[in-house]
Amino acid sequence: MAKFLVLHTIDLRTADAAEYSSEAQMANVNDYLAAYTAETYCIESWVAAGAGKIACLWEAPSEQAIIDVFAKMPQKSRVPVEGIYPAMVIDWREMKK
């Protein structure tokens, strides 16, 4: 299965604080999990709040499959997508062994 890096941009300076409460984020997580398929899902995410970026590593058969997952989510849970890029994971811990 292919891997993709999905980049999101968030503006925490202008965002409503309630939108980023733990309760709101848990609802978003549940919306994401409900939209995933057996072949298309996020593996890991990294948040750089100071830069206003979220990077998510996805496993999916295609870029379109990821787009389809986002389309199934309620609008309130969608994070703006800056781009979807084919990716490769380099495990540096393994490299130094």
PDB file of N, CA and C in Angstrom:
ATOM      1  N   MET A   1       0.855  -1.184   0.000  1.00  0.00           N
ATOM      2  CA  MET A   1       0.000   0.000   0.000  1.00  0.00           C
ATOM      3  C   MET A   1       0.898   1.243   0.000  1.00  0.00           C
ATOM      4  N   ALA A   2       0.459   2.277  -0.667  1.00  0.00           N
ATOM      5  CA  ALA A   2       1.230   3.514  -0.777  1.00  0.00           C
ATOM      6  C   ALA A   2       1.066   4.374   0.478  1.00  0.00           C
ATOM      7  N   LYS A   3       2.067   5.223   0.694  1.00  0.00           N
ATOM      8  CA  LYS A   3       2.027   6.168   1.806  1.00  0.00           C
ATOM      9  C   LYS A   3       1.958   7.584   1.221  1.00  0.00           C
ATOM     10  N   PHE A   4       1.233   8.452   1.928  1.00  0.00           N
ATOM     11  CA  PHE A   4       1.073   9.834   1.504  1.00  0.00           C
ATOM     12  C   PHE A   4       1.253  10.753   2.711  1.00  0.00           C
ATOM     13  N   LEU A   5       1.837  11.909   2.465  1.00  0.00           N
ATOM     14  CA  LEU A   5       1.935  12.945   3.487  1.00  0.00           C
ATOM     15  C   LEU A   5       0.861  13.973   3.181  1.00  0.00           C
ATOM     16  N   VAL A   6      -0.033  14.182   4.143  1.00  0.00           N
ATOM     17  CA  VAL A   6      -1.094  15.177   3.991  1.00  0.00           C
ATOM     18  C   VAL A   6      -0.734  16.343   4.894  1.00  0.00           C
ATOM     19  N   LEU A   7      -0.577  17.522   4.287  1.00  0.00           N
ATOM     20  CA  LEU A   7      -0.231  18.723   5.047  1.00  0.00           C
ATOM     21  C   LEU A   7      -1.477  19.579   5.235  1.00  0.00           C
ATOM     22  N   HIS A   8      -1.661  20.042   6.469  1.00  0.00           N
ATOM     23  CA  HIS A   8      -2.777  20.906   6.817  1.00  0.00           C
ATOM     24  C   HIS A   8      -2.222  22.218   7.353  1.00  0.00           C
ATOM     25  N   THR A   9      -2.929  23.301   7.104  1.00  0.00           N
ATOM     26  CA  THR A   9      -2.581  24.590   7.677  1.00  0.00           C
ATOM     27  C   THR A   9      -3.707  25.006   8.604  1.00  0.00           C
ATOM     28  N   ILE A  10      -3.343  25.391   9.820  1.00  0.00           N
ATOM     29  CA  ILE A  10      -4.324  25.880  10.789  1.00  0.00           C
ATOM     30  C   ILE A  10      -3.834  27.222  11.308  1.00  0.00           C
ATOM     31  N   ASP A  11      -4.739  28.122  11.552  1.00  0.00           N
ATOM     32  CA  ASP A  11      -4.379  29.428  12.091  1.00  0.00           C
ATOM     33  C   ASP A  11      -4.923  29.512  13.507  1.00  0.00           C
ATOM     34  N   LEU A  12      -4.087  29.150  14.456  1.00  0.00           N
ATOM     35  CA  LEU A  12      -4.523  29.143  15.857  1.00  0.00           C
ATOM     36  C   LEU A  12      -4.740  30.548  16.402  1.00  0.00           C
ATOM     37  N   ARG A  13      -4.185  31.568  15.731  1.00  0.00           N
ATOM     38  CA  ARG A  13      -4.361  32.936  16.219  1.00  0.00           C
ATOM     39  C   ARG A  13      -5.787  33.407  16.029  1.00  0.00           C
ATOM     40  N   THR A  14      -6.435  32.964  14.942  1.00  0.00           N
ATOM     41  CA  THR A  14      -7.790  33.441  14.664  1.00  0.00           C
ATOM     42  C   THR A  14      -8.848  32.386  14.956  1.00  0.00           C
ATOM     43  N   ALA A  15      -8.428  31.192  15.342  1.00  0.00           N
ATOM     44  CA  ALA A  15      -9.387  30.112  15.594  1.00  0.00           C
ATOM     45  C   ALA A  15     -10.136  30.356  16.902  1.00  0.00           C
ATOM     46  N   ASP A  16     -11.344  29.875  16.924  1.00  0.00           N
ATOM     47  CA  ASP A  16     -12.147  29.908  18.139  1.00  0.00           C
ATOM     48  C   ASP A  16     -11.552  28.891  19.112  1.00  0.00           C
ATOM     49  N   ALA A  17     -11.221  29.319  20.322  1.00  0.00           N
ATOM     50  CA  ALA A  17     -10.590  28.423  21.299  1.00  0.00           C
ATOM     51  C   ALA A  17     -11.451  27.192  21.566  1.00  0.00           C
ATOM     52  N   ALA A  18     -12.775  27.339  21.536  1.00  0.00           N
ATOM     53  CA  ALA A  18     -13.666  26.196  21.784  1.00  0.00           C
ATOM     54  C   ALA A  18     -13.498  25.133  20.708  1.00  0.00           C
ATOM     55  N   GLU A  19     -13.114  25.558  19.514  1.00  0.00           N
ATOM     56  CA  GLU A  19     -12.916  24.628  18.408  1.00  0.00           C
ATOM     57  C   GLU A  19     -11.756  23.666  18.690  1.00  0.00           C
ATOM     58  N   TYR A  20     -10.822  24.093  19.521  1.00  0.00           N
ATOM     59  CA  TYR A  20      -9.645  23.279  19.829  1.00  0.00           C
ATOM     60  C   TYR A  20      -9.653  22.734  21.258  1.00  0.00           C
ATOM     61  N   SER A  21     -10.840  22.730  21.891  1.00  0.00           N
ATOM     62  CA  SER A  21     -10.958  22.140  23.221  1.00  0.00           C
ATOM     63  C   SER A  21     -10.796  20.635  23.102  1.00  0.00           C
ATOM     64  N   SER A  22     -10.485  19.960  24.202  1.00  0.00           N
ATOM     65  CA  SER A  22     -10.297  18.506  24.159  1.00  0.00           C
ATOM     66  C   SER A  22     -11.588  17.798  23.750  1.00  0.00           C
ATOM     67  N   GLU A  23     -12.753  18.337  24.164  1.00  0.00           N
ATOM     68  CA  GLU A  23     -14.017  17.722  23.782  1.00  0.00           C
ATOM     69  C   GLU A  23     -14.252  17.835  22.273  1.00  0.00           C
ATOM     70  N   ALA A  24     -13.974  19.007  21.720  1.00  0.00           N
ATOM     71  CA  ALA A  24     -14.160  19.209  20.277  1.00  0.00           C
ATOM     72  C   ALA A  24     -13.199  18.340  19.487  1.00  0.00           C
ATOM     73  N   GLN A  25     -11.969  18.241  19.945  1.00  0.00           N
ATOM     74  CA  GLN A  25     -10.988  17.429  19.225  1.00  0.00           C
ATOM     75  C   GLN A  25     -11.347  15.952  19.292  1.00  0.00           C
ATOM     76  N   MET A  26     -11.901  15.482  20.401  1.00  0.00           N
ATOM     77  CA  MET A  26     -12.295  14.079  20.501  1.00  0.00           C
ATOM     78  C   MET A  26     -13.426  13.779  19.520  1.00  0.00           C
ATOM     79  N   ALA A  27     -14.357  14.702  19.362  1.00  0.00           N
ATOM     80  CA  ALA A  27     -15.426  14.517  18.380  1.00  0.00           C
ATOM     81  C   ALA A  27     -14.835  14.451  16.978  1.00  0.00           C
ATOM     82  N   ASN A  28     -13.842  15.297  16.697  1.00  0.00           N
ATOM     83  CA  ASN A  28     -13.178  15.267  15.389  1.00  0.00           C
ATOM     84  C   ASN A  28     -12.499  13.932  15.160  1.00  0.00           C
ATOM     85  N   VAL A  29     -11.828  13.408  16.167  1.00  0.00           N
ATOM     86  CA  VAL A  29     -11.157  12.113  16.049  1.00  0.00           C
ATOM     87  C   VAL A  29     -12.174  11.029  15.708  1.00  0.00           C
ATOM     88  N   ASN A  30     -13.306  11.048  16.381  1.00  0.00           N
ATOM     89  CA  ASN A  30     -14.337  10.051  16.115  1.00  0.00           C
ATOM     90  C   ASN A  30     -14.875  10.178  14.685  1.00  0.00           C
ATOM     91  N   ASP A  31     -15.010  11.416  14.185  1.00  0.00           N
ATOM     92  CA  ASP A  31     -15.450  11.622  12.801  1.00  0.00           C
ATOM     93  C   ASP A  31     -14.425  11.067  11.821  1.00  0.00           C
ATOM     94  N   TYR A  32     -13.141  11.285  12.111  1.00  0.00           N
ATOM     95  CA  TYR A  32     -12.079  10.749  11.250  1.00  0.00           C
ATOM     96  C   TYR A  32     -12.125   9.220  11.252  1.00  0.00           C
ATOM     97  N   LEU A  33     -12.175   8.629  12.429  1.00  0.00           N
ATOM     98  CA  LEU A  33     -12.189   7.165  12.521  1.00  0.00           C
ATOM     99  C   LEU A  33     -13.384   6.566  11.788  1.00  0.00           C
ATOM    100  N   ALA A  34     -14.519   7.221  11.858  1.00  0.00           N
ATOM    101  CA  ALA A  34     -15.721   6.723  11.183  1.00  0.00           C
ATOM    102  C   ALA A  34     -15.588   6.815   9.658  1.00  0.00           C
ATOM    103  N   ALA A  35     -14.796   7.757   9.173  1.00  0.00           N
ATOM    104  CA  ALA A  35     -14.644   7.950   7.724  1.00  0.00           C
ATOM    105  C   ALA A  35     -13.564   7.051   7.115  1.00  0.00           C
ATOM    106  N   TYR A  36     -12.660   6.547   7.947  1.00  0.00           N
ATOM    107  CA  TYR A  36     -11.591   5.683   7.439  1.00  0.00           C
ATOM    108  C   TYR A  36     -12.164   4.423   6.806  1.00  0.00           C
ATOM    109  N   THR A  37     -11.388   3.841   5.894  1.00  0.00           N
ATOM    110  CA  THR A  37     -11.737   2.545   5.335  1.00  0.00           C
ATOM    111  C   THR A  37     -10.624   1.575   5.725  1.00  0.00           C
ATOM    112  N   ALA A  38     -10.795   0.316   5.385  1.00  0.00           N
ATOM    113  CA  ALA A  38      -9.771  -0.687   5.701  1.00  0.00           C
ATOM    114  C   ALA A  38      -8.459  -0.385   4.992  1.00  0.00           C
ATOM    115  N   GLU A  39      -8.525   0.300   3.851  1.00  0.00           N
ATOM    116  CA  GLU A  39      -7.318   0.584   3.068  1.00  0.00           C
ATOM    117  C   GLU A  39      -6.828   2.021   3.175  1.00  0.00           C
ATOM    118  N   THR A  40      -7.657   2.920   3.689  1.00  0.00           N
ATOM    119  CA  THR A  40      -7.315   4.348   3.688  1.00  0.00           C
ATOM    120  C   THR A  40      -7.490   4.924   5.083  1.00  0.00           C
ATOM    121  N   TYR A  41      -6.356   5.264   5.700  1.00  0.00           N
ATOM    122  CA  TYR A  41      -6.400   5.769   7.075  1.00  0.00           C
ATOM    123  C   TYR A  41      -5.099   6.491   7.407  1.00  0.00           C
ATOM    124  N   CYS A  42      -5.171   7.329   8.426  1.00  0.00           N
ATOM    125  CA  CYS A  42      -3.994   8.053   8.902  1.00  0.00           C
ATOM    126  C   CYS A  42      -3.224   7.156   9.864  1.00  0.00           C
ATOM    127  N   ILE A  43      -1.908   7.100   9.674  1.00  0.00           N
ATOM    128  CA  ILE A  43      -1.040   6.284  10.524  1.00  0.00           C
ATOM    129  C   ILE A  43      -0.548   7.103  11.717  1.00  0.00           C
ATOM    130  N   GLU A  44      -0.056   8.305  11.439  1.00  0.00           N
ATOM    131  CA  GLU A  44       0.488   9.190  12.474  1.00  0.00           C
ATOM    132  C   GLU A  44       0.293  10.634  12.068  1.00  0.00           C
ATOM    133  N   SER A  45       0.264  11.509  13.061  1.00  0.00           N
ATOM    134  CA  SER A  45       0.189  12.945  12.807  1.00  0.00           C
ATOM    135  C   SER A  45       1.194  13.668  13.689  1.00  0.00           C
ATOM    136  N   TRP A  46       1.726  14.760  13.151  1.00  0.00           N
ATOM    137  CA  TRP A  46       2.626  15.628  13.900  1.00  0.00           C
ATOM    138  C   TRP A  46       2.048  17.028  13.834  1.00  0.00           C
ATOM    139  N   VAL A  47       1.945  17.679  14.990  1.00  0.00           N
ATOM    140  CA  VAL A  47       1.394  19.025  15.063  1.00  0.00           C
ATOM    141  C   VAL A  47       2.514  19.993  15.422  1.00  0.00           C
ATOM    142  N   ALA A  48       2.672  21.014  14.591  1.00  0.00           N
ATOM    143  CA  ALA A  48       3.606  22.109  14.872  1.00  0.00           C
ATOM    144  C   ALA A  48       2.734  23.351  15.052  1.00  0.00           C
ATOM    145  N   ALA A  49       2.154  23.480  16.247  1.00  0.00           N
ATOM    146  CA  ALA A  49       1.186  24.548  16.500  1.00  0.00           C
ATOM    147  C   ALA A  49       1.790  25.926  16.269  1.00  0.00           C
ATOM    148  N   GLY A  50       3.045  26.101  16.636  1.00  0.00           N
ATOM    149  CA  GLY A  50       3.699  27.392  16.450  1.00  0.00           C
ATOM    150  C   GLY A  50       3.811  27.790  14.994  1.00  0.00           C
ATOM    151  N   ALA A  51       3.896  26.800  14.113  1.00  0.00           N
ATOM    152  CA  ALA A  51       3.987  27.057  12.671  1.00  0.00           C
ATOM    153  C   ALA A  51       2.612  26.988  12.005  1.00  0.00           C
ATOM    154  N   GLY A  52       1.599  26.550  12.758  1.00  0.00           N
ATOM    155  CA  GLY A  52       0.258  26.422  12.194  1.00  0.00           C
ATOM    156  C   GLY A  52       0.149  25.292  11.186  1.00  0.00           C
ATOM    157  N   LYS A  53       0.899  24.212  11.423  1.00  0.00           N
ATOM    158  CA  LYS A  53       0.916  23.089  10.489  1.00  0.00           C
ATOM    159  C   LYS A  53       0.618  21.771  11.195  1.00  0.00           C
ATOM    160  N   ILE A  54      -0.033  20.881  10.471  1.00  0.00           N
ATOM    161  CA  ILE A  54      -0.211  19.496  10.888  1.00  0.00           C
ATOM    162  C   ILE A  54       0.234  18.644   9.704  1.00  0.00           C
ATOM    163  N   ALA A  55       1.075  17.662   9.962  1.00  0.00           N
ATOM    164  CA  ALA A  55       1.517  16.722   8.933  1.00  0.00           C
ATOM    165  C   ALA A  55       1.010  15.346   9.326  1.00  0.00           C
ATOM    166  N   CYS A  56       0.319  14.690   8.404  1.00  0.00           N
ATOM    167  CA  CYS A  56      -0.261  13.378   8.670  1.00  0.00           C
ATOM    168  C   CYS A  56       0.262  12.371   7.658  1.00  0.00           C
ATOM    169  N   LEU A  57       0.705  11.240   8.162  1.00  0.00           N
ATOM    170  CA  LEU A  57       1.155  10.153   7.299  1.00  0.00           C
ATOM    171  C   LEU A  57      -0.012   9.206   7.096  1.00  0.00           C
ATOM    172  N   TRP A  58      -0.410   9.015   5.853  1.00  0.00           N
ATOM    173  CA  TRP A  58      -1.546   8.172   5.506  1.00  0.00           C
ATOM    174  C   TRP A  58      -1.094   6.947   4.741  1.00  0.00           C
ATOM    175  N   GLU A  59      -1.862   5.891   4.886  1.00  0.00           N
ATOM    176  CA  GLU A  59      -1.727   4.722   4.032  1.00  0.00           C
ATOM    177  C   GLU A  59      -3.001   4.681   3.197  1.00  0.00           C
ATOM    178  N   ALA A  60      -2.828   4.557   1.873  1.00  0.00           N
ATOM    179  CA  ALA A  60      -3.977   4.584   0.975  1.00  0.00           C
ATOM    180  C   ALA A  60      -3.580   4.045  -0.393  1.00  0.00           C
ATOM    181  N   PRO A  61      -4.549   3.552  -1.149  1.00  0.00           N
ATOM    182  CA  PRO A  61      -4.233   3.081  -2.494  1.00  0.00           C
ATOM    183  C   PRO A  61      -3.984   4.228  -3.474  1.00  0.00           C
ATOM    184  N   SER A  62      -4.514   5.430  -3.156  1.00  0.00           N
ATOM    185  CA  SER A  62      -4.347   6.572  -4.064  1.00  0.00           C
ATOM    186  C   SER A  62      -4.638   7.872  -3.327  1.00  0.00           C
ATOM    187  N   GLU A  63      -4.239   8.967  -3.953  1.00  0.00           N
ATOM    188  CA  GLU A  63      -4.564  10.288  -3.421  1.00  0.00           C
ATOM    189  C   GLU A  63      -6.086  10.474  -3.397  1.00  0.00           C
ATOM    190  N   GLN A  64      -6.755   9.985  -4.419  1.00  0.00           N
ATOM    191  CA  GLN A  64      -8.214  10.126  -4.503  1.00  0.00           C
ATOM    192  C   GLN A  64      -8.912   9.430  -3.330  1.00  0.00           C
ATOM    193  N   ALA A  65      -8.375   8.307  -2.883  1.00  0.00           N
ATOM    194  CA  ALA A  65      -8.965   7.601  -1.738  1.00  0.00           C
ATOM    195  C   ALA A  65      -8.936   8.475  -0.485  1.00  0.00           C
ATOM    196  N   ILE A  66      -7.865   9.247  -0.309  1.00  0.00           N
ATOM    197  CA  ILE A  66      -7.771  10.159   0.841  1.00  0.00           C
ATOM    198  C   ILE A  66      -8.786  11.286   0.682  1.00  0.00           C
ATOM    199  N   ILE A  67      -8.890  11.828  -0.504  1.00  0.00           N
ATOM    200  CA  ILE A  67      -9.869  12.880  -0.777  1.00  0.00           C
ATOM    201  C   ILE A  67     -11.275  12.373  -0.473  1.00  0.00           C
ATOM    202  N   ASP A  68     -11.556  11.131  -0.848  1.00  0.00           N
ATOM    203  CA  ASP A  68     -12.871  10.540  -0.584  1.00  0.00           C
ATOM    204  C   ASP A  68     -13.156  10.407   0.911  1.00  0.00           C
ATOM    205  N   VAL A  69     -12.124  10.072   1.711  1.00  0.00           N
ATOM    206  CA  VAL A  69     -12.295   9.988   3.168  1.00  0.00           C
ATOM    207  C   VAL A  69     -12.655  11.361   3.722  1.00  0.00           C
ATOM    208  N   PHE A  70     -11.927  12.404   3.306  1.00  0.00           N
ATOM    209  CA  PHE A  70     -12.250  13.749   3.791  1.00  0.00           C
ATOM    210  C   PHE A  70     -13.658  14.163   3.383  1.00  0.00           C
ATOM    211  N   ALA A  71     -14.088  13.774   2.194  1.00  0.00           N
ATOM    212  CA  ALA A  71     -15.425  14.144   1.717  1.00  0.00           C
ATOM    213  C   ALA A  71     -16.523  13.505   2.559  1.00  0.00           C
ATOM    214  N   LYS A  72     -16.240  12.338   3.164  1.00  0.00           N
ATOM    215  CA  LYS A  72     -17.234  11.652   4.005  1.00  0.00           C
ATOM    216  C   LYS A  72     -17.366  12.287   5.389  1.00  0.00           C
ATOM    217  N   MET A  73     -16.400  13.114   5.788  1.00  0.00           N
ATOM    218  CA  MET A  73     -16.424  13.699   7.131  1.00  0.00           C
ATOM    219  C   MET A  73     -17.361  14.893   7.198  1.00  0.00           C
ATOM    220  N   PRO A  74     -17.954  15.106   8.376  1.00  0.00           N
ATOM    221  CA  PRO A  74     -18.753  16.324   8.551  1.00  0.00           C
ATOM    222  C   PRO A  74     -17.855  17.553   8.356  1.00  0.00           C
ATOM    223  N   GLN A  75     -18.405  18.589   7.782  1.00  0.00           N
ATOM    224  CA  GLN A  75     -17.638  19.823   7.509  1.00  0.00           C
ATOM    225  C   GLN A  75     -16.951  20.351   8.770  1.00  0.00           C
ATOM    226  N   LYS A  76     -17.603  20.249   9.913  1.00  0.00           N
ATOM    227  CA  LYS A  76     -17.048  20.792  11.161  1.00  0.00           C
ATOM    228  C   LYS A  76     -15.747  20.111  11.579  1.00  0.00           C
ATOM    229  N   SER A  77     -15.515  18.897  11.112  1.00  0.00           N
ATOM    230  CA  SER A  77     -14.325  18.150  11.520  1.00  0.00           C
ATOM    231  C   SER A  77     -13.174  18.246  10.526  1.00  0.00           C
ATOM    232  N   ARG A  78     -13.437  18.808   9.376  1.00  0.00           N
ATOM    233  CA  ARG A  78     -12.397  18.880   8.343  1.00  0.00           C
ATOM    234  C   ARG A  78     -11.373  19.956   8.670  1.00  0.00           C
ATOM    235  N   VAL A  79     -10.121  19.593   8.522  1.00  0.00           N
ATOM    236  CA  VAL A  79      -9.018  20.540   8.670  1.00  0.00           C
ATOM    237  C   VAL A  79      -8.577  20.895   7.252  1.00  0.00           C
ATOM    238  N   PRO A  80      -8.378  22.181   6.942  1.00  0.00           N
ATOM    239  CA  PRO A  80      -7.995  22.552   5.581  1.00  0.00           C
ATOM    240  C   PRO A  80      -6.750  21.785   5.115  1.00  0.00           C
ATOM    241  N   VAL A  81      -6.829  21.228   3.915  1.00  0.00           N
ATOM    242  CA  VAL A  81      -5.713  20.466   3.343  1.00  0.00           C
ATOM    243  C   VAL A  81      -4.896  21.383   2.448  1.00  0.00           C
ATOM    244  N   GLU A  82      -3.611  21.470   2.751  1.00  0.00           N
ATOM    245  CA  GLU A  82      -2.688  22.263   1.933  1.00  0.00           C
ATOM    246  C   GLU A  82      -2.206  21.443   0.742  1.00  0.00           C
ATOM    247  N   GLY A  83      -2.023  20.139   0.955  1.00  0.00           N
ATOM    248  CA  GLY A  83      -1.572  19.286  -0.135  1.00  0.00           C
ATOM    249  C   GLY A  83      -1.478  17.832   0.287  1.00  0.00           C
ATOM    250  N   ILE A  84      -1.512  16.957  -0.708  1.00  0.00           N
ATOM    251  CA  ILE A  84      -1.357  15.515  -0.503  1.00  0.00           C
ATOM    252  C   ILE A  84      -0.215  15.075  -1.407  1.00  0.00           C
ATOM    253  N   TYR A  85       0.804  14.445  -0.802  1.00  0.00           N
ATOM    254  CA  TYR A  85       2.018  14.108  -1.541  1.00  0.00           C
ATOM    255  C   TYR A  85       2.408  12.646  -1.313  1.00  0.00           C
ATOM    256  N   PRO A  86       2.793  11.940  -2.377  1.00  0.00           N
ATOM    257  CA  PRO A  86       3.345  10.594  -2.185  1.00  0.00           C
ATOM    258  C   PRO A  86       4.547  10.706  -1.241  1.00  0.00           C
ATOM    259  N   ALA A  87       4.697   9.745  -0.351  1.00  0.00           N
ATOM    260  CA  ALA A  87       5.754   9.835   0.660  1.00  0.00           C
ATOM    261  C   ALA A  87       6.446   8.498   0.852  1.00  0.00           C
ATOM    262  N   MET A  88       7.615   8.582   1.431  1.00  0.00           N
ATOM    263  CA  MET A  88       8.397   7.412   1.802  1.00  0.00           C
ATOM    264  C   MET A  88       8.867   7.648   3.228  1.00  0.00           C
ATOM    265  N   VAL A  89       8.831   6.624   4.046  1.00  0.00           N
ATOM    266  CA  VAL A  89       9.270   6.752   5.429  1.00  0.00           C
ATOM    267  C   VAL A  89      10.696   6.224   5.546  1.00  0.00           C
ATOM    268  N   ILE A  90      11.556   7.031   6.147  1.00  0.00           N
ATOM    269  CA  ILE A  90      12.923   6.608   6.448  1.00  0.00           C
ATOM    270  C   ILE A  90      13.021   6.500   7.962  1.00  0.00           C
ATOM    271  N   ASP A  91      13.255   5.319   8.458  1.00  0.00           N
ATOM    272  CA  ASP A  91      13.372   5.106   9.897  1.00  0.00           C
ATOM    273  C   ASP A  91      14.849   5.237  10.283  1.00  0.00           C
ATOM    274  N   TRP A  92      15.217   6.383  10.795  1.00  0.00           N
ATOM    275  CA  TRP A  92      16.617   6.663  11.128  1.00  0.00           C
ATOM    276  C   TRP A  92      17.116   5.790  12.266  1.00  0.00           C
ATOM    277  N   ARG A  93      16.219   5.323  13.122  1.00  0.00           N
ATOM    278  CA  ARG A  93      16.657   4.410  14.183  1.00  0.00           C
ATOM    279  C   ARG A  93      17.188   3.124  13.574  1.00  0.00           C
ATOM    280  N   GLU A  94      16.531   2.656  12.526  1.00  0.00           N
ATOM    281  CA  GLU A  94      16.991   1.445  11.845  1.00  0.00           C
ATOM    282  C   GLU A  94      18.287   1.701  11.074  1.00  0.00           C
ATOM    283  N   MET A  95      18.417   2.890  10.524  1.00  0.00           N
ATOM    284  CA  MET A  95      19.581   3.234   9.696  1.00  0.00           C
ATOM    285  C   MET A  95      20.871   3.211  10.522  1.00  0.00           C
ATOM    286  N   LYS A  96      20.800   3.618  11.775  1.00  0.00           N
ATOM    287  CA  LYS A  96      22.028   3.714  12.564  1.00  0.00           C
ATOM    288  C   LYS A  96      22.423   2.403  13.239  1.00  0.00           C
ATOM    289  N   LYS A  97      21.616   1.353  13.055  1.00  0.00           N
ATOM    290  CA  LYS A  97      21.955   0.053  13.652  1.00  0.00           C
ATOM    291  C   LYS A  97      23.075  -0.606  12.880  1.00  0.00           C
TER     292      LYS A  97
END
